PDB file of N, CA and C in Angstrom:
ATOM      1  N   MET A   1      18.551  65.849 188.524  1.00  0.00           N
ATOM      2  CA  MET A   1      18.341  64.592 188.431  1.00  0.00           C
ATOM      3  C   MET A   1      17.981  63.384 189.837  1.00  0.00           C
ATOM      4  N   GLN A   2      16.740  62.722 189.580  1.00  0.00           N
ATOM      5  CA  GLN A   2      17.128  62.032 190.604  1.00  0.00           C
ATOM      6  C   GLN A   2      17.890  61.203 190.448  1.00  0.00           C
ATOM      7  N   GLY A   3      18.246  60.053 191.900  1.00  0.00           N
ATOM      8  CA  GLY A   3      19.368  59.797 192.155  1.00  0.00           C
ATOM      9  C   GLY A   3      21.039  59.642 191.948  1.00  0.00           C
ATOM     10  N   ILE A   4      20.873  61.072 192.062  1.00  0.00           N
ATOM     11  CA  ILE A   4      22.527  61.261 192.351  1.00  0.00           C
ATOM     12  C   ILE A   4      22.616  61.980 193.316  1.00  0.00           C
ATOM     13  N   ARG A   5      23.816  61.896 194.233  1.00  0.00           N
ATOM     14  CA  ARG A   5      24.215  62.917 195.412  1.00  0.00           C
ATOM     15  C   ARG A   5      24.887  62.492 195.533  1.00  0.00           C
ATOM     16  N   LEU A   6      25.914  64.015 196.092  1.00  0.00           N
ATOM     17  CA  LEU A   6      26.984  63.781 196.520  1.00  0.00           C
ATOM     18  C   LEU A   6      27.480  63.586 197.685  1.00  0.00           C
ATOM     19  N   THR A   7      28.158  62.630 198.209  1.00  0.00           N
ATOM     20  CA  THR A   7      28.699  61.935 199.320  1.00  0.00           C
ATOM     21  C   THR A   7      29.982  61.854 200.124  1.00  0.00           C
ATOM     22  N   THR A   8      31.078  62.529 199.397  1.00  0.00           N
ATOM     23  CA  THR A   8      32.242  62.818 199.922  1.00  0.00           C
ATOM     24  C   THR A   8      32.769  63.473 199.074  1.00  0.00           C
ATOM     25  N   ILE A   9      33.665  64.366 199.998  1.00  0.00           N
ATOM     26  CA  ILE A   9      34.789  65.450 199.375  1.00  0.00           C
ATOM     27  C   ILE A   9      36.156  64.976 199.808  1.00  0.00           C
ATOM     28  N   THR A  10      37.146  64.852 198.504  1.00  0.00           N
ATOM     29  CA  THR A  10      38.298  64.168 198.786  1.00  0.00           C
ATOM     30  C   THR A  10      39.507  64.729 199.272  1.00  0.00           C
ATOM     31  N   LEU A  11      40.344  64.997 199.912  1.00  0.00           N
ATOM     32  CA  LEU A  11      41.307  65.641 199.412  1.00  0.00           C
ATOM     33  C   LEU A  11      42.635  64.853 199.548  1.00  0.00           C
ATOM     34  N   GLY A  12      43.267  65.359 198.927  1.00  0.00           N
ATOM     35  CA  GLY A  12      45.112  64.642 198.555  1.00  0.00           C
ATOM     36  C   GLY A  12      45.315  65.073 199.718  1.00  0.00           C
ATOM     37  N   ALA A  13      46.806  64.120 200.290  1.00  0.00           N
ATOM     38  CA  ALA A  13      47.889  64.475 200.946  1.00  0.00           C
ATOM     39  C   ALA A  13      48.804  63.450 200.882  1.00  0.00           C
ATOM     40  N   PRO A  14      50.148  64.445 201.753  1.00  0.00           N
ATOM     41  CA  PRO A  14      51.128  62.924 201.690  1.00  0.00           C
ATOM     42  C   PRO A  14      50.665  62.248 202.203  1.00  0.00           C
ATOM     43  N   ASP A  15      50.401  62.199 204.104  1.00  0.00           N
ATOM     44  CA  ASP A  15      50.078  61.453 204.818  1.00  0.00           C
ATOM     45  C   ASP A  15      47.878  61.499 204.981  1.00  0.00           C
ATOM     46  N   PRO A  16      47.930  60.765 204.129  1.00  0.00           N
ATOM     47  CA  PRO A  16      45.899  60.737 204.758  1.00  0.00           C
ATOM     48  C   PRO A  16      45.632  59.872 205.764  1.00  0.00           C
ATOM     49  N   VAL A  17      46.327  59.203 206.564  1.00  0.00           N
ATOM     50  CA  VAL A  17      46.017  58.751 207.982  1.00  0.00           C
ATOM     51  C   VAL A  17      45.936  59.356 208.488  1.00  0.00           C
ATOM     52  N   SER A  18      46.817  60.408 208.562  1.00  0.00           N
ATOM     53  CA  SER A  18      47.692  61.627 209.383  1.00  0.00           C
ATOM     54  C   SER A  18      46.643  62.776 209.388  1.00  0.00           C
ATOM     55  N   LEU A  19      45.760  62.885 208.055  1.00  0.00           N
ATOM     56  CA  LEU A  19      45.440  63.668 207.094  1.00  0.00           C
ATOM     57  C   LEU A  19      43.605  63.263 208.293  1.00  0.00           C
ATOM     58  N   ALA A  20      43.115  62.080 207.793  1.00  0.00           N
ATOM     59  CA  ALA A  20      41.814  61.406 208.192  1.00  0.00           C
ATOM     60  C   ALA A  20      41.883  61.849 209.859  1.00  0.00           C
ATOM     61  N   ARG A  21      42.779  61.501 210.390  1.00  0.00           N
ATOM     62  CA  ARG A  21      43.080  61.675 212.148  1.00  0.00           C
ATOM     63  C   ARG A  21      42.795  63.024 212.273  1.00  0.00           C
ATOM     64  N   PHE A  22      43.467  64.236 211.716  1.00  0.00           N
ATOM     65  CA  PHE A  22      43.159  65.408 211.866  1.00  0.00           C
ATOM     66  C   PHE A  22      41.693  65.773 211.802  1.00  0.00           C
ATOM     67  N   TYR A  23      40.715  65.155 210.449  1.00  0.00           N
ATOM     68  CA  TYR A  23      39.846  65.603 210.005  1.00  0.00           C
ATOM     69  C   TYR A  23      38.203  64.816 211.085  1.00  0.00           C
ATOM     70  N   ALA A  24      38.736  63.780 211.816  1.00  0.00           N
ATOM     71  CA  ALA A  24      38.019  63.318 212.642  1.00  0.00           C
ATOM     72  C   ALA A  24      37.806  63.927 214.030  1.00  0.00           C
ATOM     73  N   ARG A  25      39.160  63.595 214.983  1.00  0.00           N
ATOM     74  CA  ARG A  25      39.478  64.536 215.444  1.00  0.00           C
ATOM     75  C   ARG A  25      38.522  66.138 215.988  1.00  0.00           C
ATOM     76  N   LEU A  26      38.848  66.830 214.854  1.00  0.00           N
ATOM     77  CA  LEU A  26      38.251  68.180 214.457  1.00  0.00           C
ATOM     78  C   LEU A  26      36.958  67.848 214.786  1.00  0.00           C
ATOM     79  N   LEU A  27      36.217  67.480 213.924  1.00  0.00           N
ATOM     80  CA  LEU A  27      34.451  67.353 213.554  1.00  0.00           C
ATOM     81  C   LEU A  27      33.718  66.386 214.510  1.00  0.00           C
ATOM     82  N   GLY A  28      34.843  65.891 215.069  1.00  0.00           N
ATOM     83  CA  GLY A  28      33.698  64.584 215.822  1.00  0.00           C
ATOM     84  C   GLY A  28      33.827  63.276 215.236  1.00  0.00           C
ATOM     85  N   TRP A  29      34.039  63.109 214.548  1.00  0.00           N
ATOM     86  CA  TRP A  29      33.413  61.876 213.216  1.00  0.00           C
ATOM     87  C   TRP A  29      34.420  60.771 213.299  1.00  0.00           C
ATOM     88  N   THR A  30      33.787  59.861 212.813  1.00  0.00           N
ATOM     89  CA  THR A  30      34.446  58.124 212.716  1.00  0.00           C
ATOM     90  C   THR A  30      35.620  58.134 212.025  1.00  0.00           C
ATOM     91  N   LEU A  31      36.782  57.491 212.293  1.00  0.00           N
ATOM     92  CA  LEU A  31      37.798  57.254 211.086  1.00  0.00           C
ATOM     93  C   LEU A  31      37.380  56.089 210.590  1.00  0.00           C
ATOM     94  N   GLY A  32      36.767  55.914 209.287  1.00  0.00           N
ATOM     95  CA  GLY A  32      36.715  54.745 208.746  1.00  0.00           C
ATOM     96  C   GLY A  32      38.589  53.543 208.991  1.00  0.00           C
ATOM     97  N   PRO A  33      38.679  52.741 208.869  1.00  0.00           N
ATOM     98  CA  PRO A  33      39.619  51.636 208.353  1.00  0.00           C
ATOM     99  C   PRO A  33      40.845  52.049 208.304  1.00  0.00           C
ATOM    100  N   THR A  34      41.538  51.396 208.237  1.00  0.00           N
ATOM    101  CA  THR A  34      43.403  52.403 208.372  1.00  0.00           C
ATOM    102  C   THR A  34      43.870  51.439 207.570  1.00  0.00           C
ATOM    103  N   ASP A  35      43.163  50.228 207.014  1.00  0.00           N
ATOM    104  CA  ASP A  35      44.000  49.225 206.635  1.00  0.00           C
ATOM    105  C   ASP A  35      44.635  49.182 205.189  1.00  0.00           C
ATOM    106  N   ASP A  36      44.656  50.567 204.331  1.00  0.00           N
ATOM    107  CA  ASP A  36      44.908  50.933 203.475  1.00  0.00           C
ATOM    108  C   ASP A  36      45.208  52.124 203.434  1.00  0.00           C
ATOM    109  N   PRO A  37      46.542  52.861 203.658  1.00  0.00           N
ATOM    110  CA  PRO A  37      47.458  53.574 203.833  1.00  0.00           C
ATOM    111  C   PRO A  37      47.100  54.805 202.716  1.00  0.00           C
ATOM    112  N   THR A  38      46.901  54.266 201.601  1.00  0.00           N
ATOM    113  CA  THR A  38      46.463  55.378 200.710  1.00  0.00           C
ATOM    114  C   THR A  38      45.127  56.025 200.193  1.00  0.00           C
ATOM    115  N   TRP A  39      44.698  55.614 200.866  1.00  0.00           N
ATOM    116  CA  TRP A  39      42.937  56.238 200.867  1.00  0.00           C
ATOM    117  C   TRP A  39      42.081  55.886 202.607  1.00  0.00           C
ATOM    118  N   ILE A  40      41.895  56.927 203.285  1.00  0.00           N
ATOM    119  CA  ILE A  40      40.884  56.520 204.010  1.00  0.00           C
ATOM    120  C   ILE A  40      39.657  57.393 204.252  1.00  0.00           C
ATOM    121  N   GLY A  41      39.053  56.832 205.008  1.00  0.00           N
ATOM    122  CA  GLY A  41      37.179  57.930 205.107  1.00  0.00           C
ATOM    123  C   GLY A  41      36.839  58.143 206.713  1.00  0.00           C
ATOM    124  N   VAL A  42      36.443  59.364 206.428  1.00  0.00           N
ATOM    125  CA  VAL A  42      35.861  59.902 208.373  1.00  0.00           C
ATOM    126  C   VAL A  42      34.309  59.866 207.870  1.00  0.00           C
ATOM    127  N   ARG A  43      33.785  59.253 208.447  1.00  0.00           N
ATOM    128  CA  ARG A  43      32.337  59.313 208.220  1.00  0.00           C
ATOM    129  C   ARG A  43      32.173  60.221 209.002  1.00  0.00           C
ATOM    130  N   ASN A  44      30.699  61.211 208.477  1.00  0.00           N
ATOM    131  CA  ASN A  44      29.572  61.688 209.319  1.00  0.00           C
ATOM    132  C   ASN A  44      29.045  61.210 210.252  1.00  0.00           C
ATOM    133  N   PRO A  45      28.934  61.487 211.564  1.00  0.00           N
ATOM    134  CA  PRO A  45      27.889  60.435 211.991  1.00  0.00           C
ATOM    135  C   PRO A  45      25.985  60.364 211.379  1.00  0.00           C
ATOM    136  N   ASP A  46      25.772  61.678 210.995  1.00  0.00           N
ATOM    137  CA  ASP A  46      24.363  61.925 210.199  1.00  0.00           C
ATOM    138  C   ASP A  46      23.970  61.457 209.191  1.00  0.00           C
ATOM    139  N   GLY A  47      25.064  61.078 208.369  1.00  0.00           N
ATOM    140  CA  GLY A  47      24.808  60.492 207.000  1.00  0.00           C
ATOM    141  C   GLY A  47      25.338  61.301 206.361  1.00  0.00           C
ATOM    142  N   GLY A  48      25.591  62.443 206.984  1.00  0.00           N
ATOM    143  CA  GLY A  48      25.683  63.355 205.171  1.00  0.00           C
ATOM    144  C   GLY A  48      27.482  63.215 204.683  1.00  0.00           C
ATOM    145  N   ILE A  49      27.537  64.293 203.715  1.00  0.00           N
ATOM    146  CA  ILE A  49      28.251  64.403 203.358  1.00  0.00           C
ATOM    147  C   ILE A  49      29.742  64.444 204.456  1.00  0.00           C
ATOM    148  N   GLY A  50      30.455  63.163 203.629  1.00  0.00           N
ATOM    149  CA  GLY A  50      32.378  62.764 204.586  1.00  0.00           C
ATOM    150  C   GLY A  50      32.877  63.299 204.086  1.00  0.00           C
ATOM    151  N   ILE A  51      33.918  62.969 204.867  1.00  0.00           N
ATOM    152  CA  ILE A  51      35.769  63.742 204.123  1.00  0.00           C
ATOM    153  C   ILE A  51      36.687  61.865 203.881  1.00  0.00           C
ATOM    154  N   ALA A  52      37.259  62.145 202.489  1.00  0.00           N
ATOM    155  CA  ALA A  52      38.381  60.922 202.374  1.00  0.00           C
ATOM    156  C   ALA A  52      39.455  61.768 202.076  1.00  0.00           C
ATOM    157  N   CYS A  53      40.742  60.855 202.180  1.00  0.00           N
ATOM    158  CA  CYS A  53      42.068  61.605 202.355  1.00  0.00           C
ATOM    159  C   CYS A  53      42.404  60.396 201.556  1.00  0.00           C
ATOM    160  N   GLN A  54      43.522  61.146 200.666  1.00  0.00           N
ATOM    161  CA  GLN A  54      44.110  60.007 199.494  1.00  0.00           C
ATOM    162  C   GLN A  54      45.329  60.247 199.127  1.00  0.00           C
ATOM    163  N   LEU A  55      45.879  59.795 199.398  1.00  0.00           N
ATOM    164  CA  LEU A  55      47.752  59.423 198.969  1.00  0.00           C
ATOM    165  C   LEU A  55      47.553  60.014 197.683  1.00  0.00           C
ATOM    166  N   GLU A  56      48.720  61.555 198.090  1.00  0.00           N
ATOM    167  CA  GLU A  56      49.448  62.402 196.889  1.00  0.00           C
ATOM    168  C   GLU A  56      50.528  62.855 197.143  1.00  0.00           C
ATOM    169  N   LYS A  57      52.059  61.421 196.315  1.00  0.00           N
ATOM    170  CA  LYS A  57      53.161  61.603 196.875  1.00  0.00           C
ATOM    171  C   LYS A  57      53.662  63.216 196.033  1.00  0.00           C
ATOM    172  N   ASN A  58      52.928  63.702 195.542  1.00  0.00           N
ATOM    173  CA  ASN A  58      53.738  64.949 194.536  1.00  0.00           C
ATOM    174  C   ASN A  58      52.773  65.989 195.273  1.00  0.00           C
ATOM    175  N   HIS A  59      52.196  65.524 196.637  1.00  0.00           N
ATOM    176  CA  HIS A  59      51.597  66.601 196.728  1.00  0.00           C
ATOM    177  C   HIS A  59      52.443  68.012 197.320  1.00  0.00           C
ATOM    178  N   VAL A  60      51.513  69.323 196.617  1.00  0.00           N
ATOM    179  CA  VAL A  60      52.018  70.384 197.306  1.00  0.00           C
ATOM    180  C   VAL A  60      51.010  71.297 197.953  1.00  0.00           C
ATOM    181  N   ARG A  61      51.616  72.399 199.206  1.00  0.00           N
ATOM    182  CA  ARG A  61      50.613  72.747 199.590  1.00  0.00           C
ATOM    183  C   ARG A  61      50.153  74.107 198.711  1.00  0.00           C
ATOM    184  N   PRO A  62      49.110  73.989 198.985  1.00  0.00           N
ATOM    185  CA  PRO A  62      48.201  75.086 198.458  1.00  0.00           C
ATOM    186  C   PRO A  62      48.253  76.374 199.276  1.00  0.00           C
ATOM    187  N   THR A  63      48.347  77.650 198.581  1.00  0.00           N
ATOM    188  CA  THR A  63      48.848  78.923 198.606  1.00  0.00           C
ATOM    189  C   THR A  63      47.792  79.544 199.285  1.00  0.00           C
ATOM    190  N   TRP A  64      46.857  80.390 199.906  1.00  0.00           N
ATOM    191  CA  TRP A  64      45.990  81.006 200.426  1.00  0.00           C
ATOM    192  C   TRP A  64      46.473  81.990 201.105  1.00  0.00           C
ATOM    193  N   PRO A  65      45.588  83.478 200.797  1.00  0.00           N
ATOM    194  CA  PRO A  65      45.231  83.420 199.389  1.00  0.00           C
ATOM    195  C   PRO A  65      46.294  83.420 198.646  1.00  0.00           C
ATOM    196  N   GLY A  66      45.604  82.882 197.170  1.00  0.00           N
ATOM    197  CA  GLY A  66      46.792  82.502 196.081  1.00  0.00           C
ATOM    198  C   GLY A  66      47.069  83.724 195.191  1.00  0.00           C
ATOM    199  N   ALA A  67      48.397  83.586 194.075  1.00  0.00           N
ATOM    200  CA  ALA A  67      48.645  84.285 193.470  1.00  0.00           C
ATOM    201  C   ALA A  67      49.293  84.193 192.560  1.00  0.00           C
ATOM    202  N   PRO A  68      49.481  84.553 191.323  1.00  0.00           N
ATOM    203  CA  PRO A  68      49.393  84.339 190.160  1.00  0.00           C
ATOM    204  C   PRO A  68      50.985  83.441 190.382  1.00  0.00           C
ATOM    205  N   GLY A  69      51.310  81.814 189.928  1.00  0.00           N
ATOM    206  CA  GLY A  69      52.388  81.757 189.706  1.00  0.00           C
ATOM    207  C   GLY A  69      52.161  80.280 191.427  1.00  0.00           C
ATOM    208  N   ASP A  70      51.786  80.382 191.913  1.00  0.00           N
ATOM    209  CA  ASP A  70      51.057  79.613 193.803  1.00  0.00           C
ATOM    210  C   ASP A  70      50.158  78.231 193.023  1.00  0.00           C
ATOM    211  N   GLN A  71      50.587  77.841 193.851  1.00  0.00           N
ATOM    212  CA  GLN A  71      49.933  76.613 194.291  1.00  0.00           C
ATOM    213  C   GLN A  71      48.751  76.531 194.398  1.00  0.00           C
ATOM    214  N   GLN A  72      47.349  76.671 193.330  1.00  0.00           N
ATOM    215  CA  GLN A  72      46.024  77.020 193.947  1.00  0.00           C
ATOM    216  C   GLN A  72      45.454  75.945 194.930  1.00  0.00           C
ATOM    217  N   MET A  73      44.471  76.506 195.388  1.00  0.00           N
ATOM    218  CA  MET A  73      43.378  75.753 196.393  1.00  0.00           C
ATOM    219  C   MET A  73      42.825  74.907 195.648  1.00  0.00           C
ATOM    220  N   GLN A  74      42.543  74.272 195.648  1.00  0.00           N
ATOM    221  CA  GLN A  74      41.534  72.718 194.489  1.00  0.00           C
ATOM    222  C   GLN A  74      39.938  73.192 195.224  1.00  0.00           C
ATOM    223  N   VAL A  75      39.895  72.982 196.113  1.00  0.00           N
ATOM    224  CA  VAL A  75      38.763  73.159 197.579  1.00  0.00           C
ATOM    225  C   VAL A  75      39.307  74.079 199.122  1.00  0.00           C
ATOM    226  N   HIS A  76      37.840  74.111 199.455  1.00  0.00           N
ATOM    227  CA  HIS A  76      38.526  74.449 200.611  1.00  0.00           C
ATOM    228  C   HIS A  76      36.807  74.087 201.463  1.00  0.00           C
ATOM    229  N   LEU A  77      36.908  74.148 202.964  1.00  0.00           N
ATOM    230  CA  LEU A  77      35.706  73.745 203.540  1.00  0.00           C
ATOM    231  C   LEU A  77      34.664  74.671 204.291  1.00  0.00           C
ATOM    232  N   GLU A  78      33.871  74.683 204.309  1.00  0.00           N
ATOM    233  CA  GLU A  78      33.240  75.582 205.462  1.00  0.00           C
ATOM    234  C   GLU A  78      32.614  74.573 206.818  1.00  0.00           C
ATOM    235  N   ILE A  79      32.917  75.294 207.892  1.00  0.00           N
ATOM    236  CA  ILE A  79      32.574  74.399 208.891  1.00  0.00           C
ATOM    237  C   ILE A  79      32.301  75.678 209.802  1.00  0.00           C
ATOM    238  N   GLN A  80      31.180  75.174 210.181  1.00  0.00           N
ATOM    239  CA  GLN A  80      30.202  76.209 211.107  1.00  0.00           C
ATOM    240  C   GLN A  80      30.678  76.288 212.517  1.00  0.00           C
ATOM    241  N   VAL A  81      30.688  77.397 213.525  1.00  0.00           N
ATOM    242  CA  VAL A  81      30.469  76.927 214.860  1.00  0.00           C
ATOM    243  C   VAL A  81      29.457  77.944 215.725  1.00  0.00           C
ATOM    244  N   ASP A  82      29.758  77.260 217.266  1.00  0.00           N
ATOM    245  CA  ASP A  82      28.945  77.998 217.826  1.00  0.00           C
ATOM    246  C   ASP A  82      29.814  79.457 218.334  1.00  0.00           C
ATOM    247  N   ASP A  83      31.199  78.854 218.167  1.00  0.00           N
ATOM    248  CA  ASP A  83      32.108  80.113 218.956  1.00  0.00           C
ATOM    249  C   ASP A  83      32.960  80.437 218.225  1.00  0.00           C
ATOM    250  N   LEU A  84      33.511  81.019 217.831  1.00  0.00           N
ATOM    251  CA  LEU A  84      34.313  81.357 217.136  1.00  0.00           C
ATOM    252  C   LEU A  84      35.828  81.384 217.478  1.00  0.00           C
ATOM    253  N   GLN A  85      36.149  81.285 218.853  1.00  0.00           N
ATOM    254  CA  GLN A  85      37.312  81.783 219.380  1.00  0.00           C
ATOM    255  C   GLN A  85      37.361  80.348 219.884  1.00  0.00           C
ATOM    256  N   ALA A  86      36.562  80.068 220.956  1.00  0.00           N
ATOM    257  CA  ALA A  86      36.382  78.630 221.403  1.00  0.00           C
ATOM    258  C   ALA A  86      36.570  77.161 220.280  1.00  0.00           C
ATOM    259  N   GLY A  87      36.383  77.801 218.869  1.00  0.00           N
ATOM    260  CA  GLY A  87      36.515  76.274 217.840  1.00  0.00           C
ATOM    261  C   GLY A  87      37.479  76.944 217.097  1.00  0.00           C
ATOM    262  N   LEU A  88      38.586  78.020 216.965  1.00  0.00           N
ATOM    263  CA  LEU A  88      39.614  78.043 216.421  1.00  0.00           C
ATOM    264  C   LEU A  88      40.661  77.238 217.604  1.00  0.00           C
ATOM    265  N   GLN A  89      40.484  77.622 218.764  1.00  0.00           N
ATOM    266  CA  GLN A  89      41.231  77.194 219.769  1.00  0.00           C
ATOM    267  C   GLN A  89      41.417  75.375 219.926  1.00  0.00           C
ATOM    268  N   HIS A  90      40.463  75.014 219.531  1.00  0.00           N
ATOM    269  CA  HIS A  90      40.012  73.014 219.198  1.00  0.00           C
ATOM    270  C   HIS A  90      40.638  72.928 218.095  1.00  0.00           C
ATOM    271  N   ALA A  91      40.455  74.019 216.563  1.00  0.00           N
ATOM    272  CA  ALA A  91      41.146  73.162 215.287  1.00  0.00           C
ATOM    273  C   ALA A  91      42.691  73.539 215.984  1.00  0.00           C
ATOM    274  N   ARG A  92      43.368  74.601 216.703  1.00  0.00           N
ATOM    275  CA  ARG A  92      44.487  74.521 216.955  1.00  0.00           C
ATOM    276  C   ARG A  92      45.309  73.219 217.581  1.00  0.00           C
ATOM    277  N   GLN A  93      44.348  73.159 218.917  1.00  0.00           N
ATOM    278  CA  GLN A  93      45.011  71.536 219.350  1.00  0.00           C
ATOM    279  C   GLN A  93      44.953  70.403 218.654  1.00  0.00           C
ATOM    280  N   CYS A  94      43.364  70.571 217.351  1.00  0.00           N
ATOM    281  CA  CYS A  94      44.192  69.150 216.707  1.00  0.00           C
ATOM    282  C   CYS A  94      44.886  69.669 215.579  1.00  0.00           C
ATOM    283  N   GLY A  95      46.102  70.440 215.360  1.00  0.00           N
ATOM    284  CA  GLY A  95      46.432  70.390 214.700  1.00  0.00           C
ATOM    285  C   GLY A  95      46.662  71.283 213.345  1.00  0.00           C
ATOM    286  N   ALA A  96      45.654  72.235 213.440  1.00  0.00           N
ATOM    287  CA  ALA A  96      45.438  73.577 212.380  1.00  0.00           C
ATOM    288  C   ALA A  96      46.410  74.625 212.696  1.00  0.00           C
ATOM    289  N   ARG A  97      46.554  75.230 211.600  1.00  0.00           N
ATOM    290  CA  ARG A  97      47.317  76.899 211.805  1.00  0.00           C
ATOM    291  C   ARG A  97      46.402  77.750 211.384  1.00  0.00           C
ATOM    292  N   MET A  98      46.391  78.600 211.595  1.00  0.00           N
ATOM    293  CA  MET A  98      45.680  80.091 211.597  1.00  0.00           C
ATOM    294  C   MET A  98      46.188  80.741 210.284  1.00  0.00           C
ATOM    295  N   ALA A  99      45.613  80.940 209.077  1.00  0.00           N
ATOM    296  CA  ALA A  99      46.138  81.607 207.812  1.00  0.00           C
ATOM    297  C   ALA A  99      46.464  83.023 207.985  1.00  0.00           C
ATOM    298  N   ARG A 100      47.503  83.661 207.536  1.00  0.00           N
ATOM    299  CA  ARG A 100      47.608  85.166 208.052  1.00  0.00           C
ATOM    300  C   ARG A 100      46.566  86.138 208.058  1.00  0.00           C
ATOM    301  N   TYR A 101      45.944  85.413 206.409  1.00  0.00           N
ATOM    302  CA  TYR A 101      44.974  86.473 205.816  1.00  0.00           C
ATOM    303  C   TYR A 101      43.764  86.038 206.161  1.00  0.00           C
ATOM    304  N   GLN A 102      43.285  87.298 207.122  1.00  0.00           N
ATOM    305  CA  GLN A 102      42.085  86.560 207.359  1.00  0.00           C
ATOM    306  C   GLN A 102      40.921  87.482 206.891  1.00  0.00           C
ATOM    307  N   PRO A 103      40.114  87.165 206.002  1.00  0.00           N
ATOM    308  CA  PRO A 103      39.048  88.690 205.406  1.00  0.00           C
ATOM    309  C   PRO A 103      38.017  89.121 206.006  1.00  0.00           C
ATOM    310  N   GLN A 104      37.450  88.092 206.946  1.00  0.00           N
ATOM    311  CA  GLN A 104      36.266  88.979 207.887  1.00  0.00           C
ATOM    312  C   GLN A 104      36.152  88.868 209.247  1.00  0.00           C
ATOM    313  N   ALA A 105      35.706  89.255 209.366  1.00  0.00           N
ATOM    314  CA  ALA A 105      35.558  89.220 211.053  1.00  0.00           C
ATOM    315  C   ALA A 105      34.447  87.571 211.691  1.00  0.00           C
ATOM    316  N   ASN A 106      34.075  87.887 211.195  1.00  0.00           N
ATOM    317  CA  ASN A 106      33.310  86.440 211.901  1.00  0.00           C
ATOM    318  C   ASN A 106      33.412  85.003 210.939  1.00  0.00           C
ATOM    319  N   VAL A 107      35.010  85.215 210.565  1.00  0.00           N
ATOM    320  CA  VAL A 107      35.380  83.919 210.097  1.00  0.00           C
ATOM    321  C   VAL A 107      36.943  83.385 210.274  1.00  0.00           C
ATOM    322  N   ARG A 108      36.734  82.801 210.383  1.00  0.00           N
ATOM    323  CA  ARG A 108      38.661  82.453 211.053  1.00  0.00           C
ATOM    324  C   ARG A 108      38.858  81.038 209.626  1.00  0.00           C
ATOM    325  N   VAL A 109      40.088  82.262 209.173  1.00  0.00           N
ATOM    326  CA  VAL A 109      41.104  80.793 208.161  1.00  0.00           C
ATOM    327  C   VAL A 109      41.871  79.986 208.445  1.00  0.00           C
ATOM    328  N   CYS A 110      41.477  78.642 208.392  1.00  0.00           N
ATOM    329  CA  CYS A 110      42.471  77.887 209.084  1.00  0.00           C
ATOM    330  C   CYS A 110      43.623  77.610 208.159  1.00  0.00           C
ATOM    331  N   LEU A 111      44.128  76.129 208.072  1.00  0.00           N
ATOM    332  CA  LEU A 111      44.931  75.575 207.360  1.00  0.00           C
ATOM    333  C   LEU A 111      45.041  74.065 207.702  1.00  0.00           C
ATOM    334  N   ASP A 112      45.340  73.041 207.342  1.00  0.00           N
ATOM    335  CA  ASP A 112      44.815  71.798 207.889  1.00  0.00           C
ATOM    336  C   ASP A 112      46.383  71.433 207.904  1.00  0.00           C
ATOM    337  N   PRO A 113      46.564  70.050 208.330  1.00  0.00           N
ATOM    338  CA  PRO A 113      47.416  69.642 208.473  1.00  0.00           C
ATOM    339  C   PRO A 113      48.802  69.474 206.798  1.00  0.00           C
ATOM    340  N   ALA A 114      48.152  69.201 205.767  1.00  0.00           N
ATOM    341  CA  ALA A 114      48.775  69.319 204.280  1.00  0.00           C
ATOM    342  C   ALA A 114      48.270  70.353 203.953  1.00  0.00           C
ATOM    343  N   GLY A 115      48.022  71.664 204.790  1.00  0.00           N
ATOM    344  CA  GLY A 115      48.193  72.635 203.931  1.00  0.00           C
ATOM    345  C   GLY A 115      46.504  73.123 203.036  1.00  0.00           C
ATOM    346  N   HIS A 116      45.604  72.694 202.949  1.00  0.00           N
ATOM    347  CA  HIS A 116      44.308  72.987 202.894  1.00  0.00           C
ATOM    348  C   HIS A 116      43.531  74.088 202.923  1.00  0.00           C
ATOM    349  N   PRO A 117      42.780  74.868 202.981  1.00  0.00           N
ATOM    350  CA  PRO A 117      42.553  76.012 203.352  1.00  0.00           C
ATOM    351  C   PRO A 117      41.061  75.408 204.353  1.00  0.00           C
ATOM    352  N   PHE A 118      40.114  75.765 205.377  1.00  0.00           N
ATOM    353  CA  PHE A 118      39.433  75.808 206.089  1.00  0.00           C
ATOM    354  C   PHE A 118      38.638  77.044 206.077  1.00  0.00           C
ATOM    355  N   CYS A 119      37.332  76.917 206.567  1.00  0.00           N
ATOM    356  CA  CYS A 119      37.143  78.486 206.823  1.00  0.00           C
ATOM    357  C   CYS A 119      36.108  77.881 208.175  1.00  0.00           C
ATOM    358  N   LEU A 120      36.274  78.853 209.565  1.00  0.00           N
ATOM    359  CA  LEU A 120      35.229  78.585 210.679  1.00  0.00           C
ATOM    360  C   LEU A 120      34.635  79.539 211.030  1.00  0.00           C
ATOM    361  N   TRP A 121      33.226  79.328 210.731  1.00  0.00           N
ATOM    362  CA  TRP A 121      32.336  80.777 210.705  1.00  0.00           C
ATOM    363  C   TRP A 121      31.488  80.271 212.017  1.00  0.00           C
ATOM    364  N   VAL A 122      30.569  81.672 212.018  1.00  0.00           N
ATOM    365  CA  VAL A 122      29.964  82.084 212.909  1.00  0.00           C
ATOM    366  C   VAL A 122      28.748  82.915 212.160  1.00  0.00           C
ATOM    367  N   GLU A 123      27.316  82.735 212.294  1.00  0.00           N
ATOM    368  CA  GLU A 123      26.168  83.419 211.969  1.00  0.00           C
ATOM    369  C   GLU A 123      27.087  84.751 212.489  1.00  0.00           C
ATOM    370  N   GLY A 124      26.224  85.271 211.109  1.00  0.00           N
ATOM    371  CA  GLY A 124      26.099  87.148 211.638  1.00  0.00           C
ATOM    372  C   GLY A 124      28.020  88.024 211.516  1.00  0.00           C
TER     373      GLY A 124
END
């Protein structure tokens, strides 16, 4: 259909401003206005899809990989990097932690400060 496009992926968090700051630092993107602590955007400088973080007062950290009865993830981001080790080090410095389970050699699954999984990956 013409005239329709995906513009933003929104993540729920108990502290949307902190989560938005994490993604702005991780990706080198621009943090949107923080005057509304319940919703804040992170702008992609190339005009592509952005990230928003919204307040979820009853946020439950997802479990990854999920098992029956666990809080399931709703979405995870795929972030391509040129150097996997350097990308992982940068993500950790920004506040991410590496997930225990790592399914592939060219991918590192990380968790953001609210527990959302995201993958750092390299070609090959």
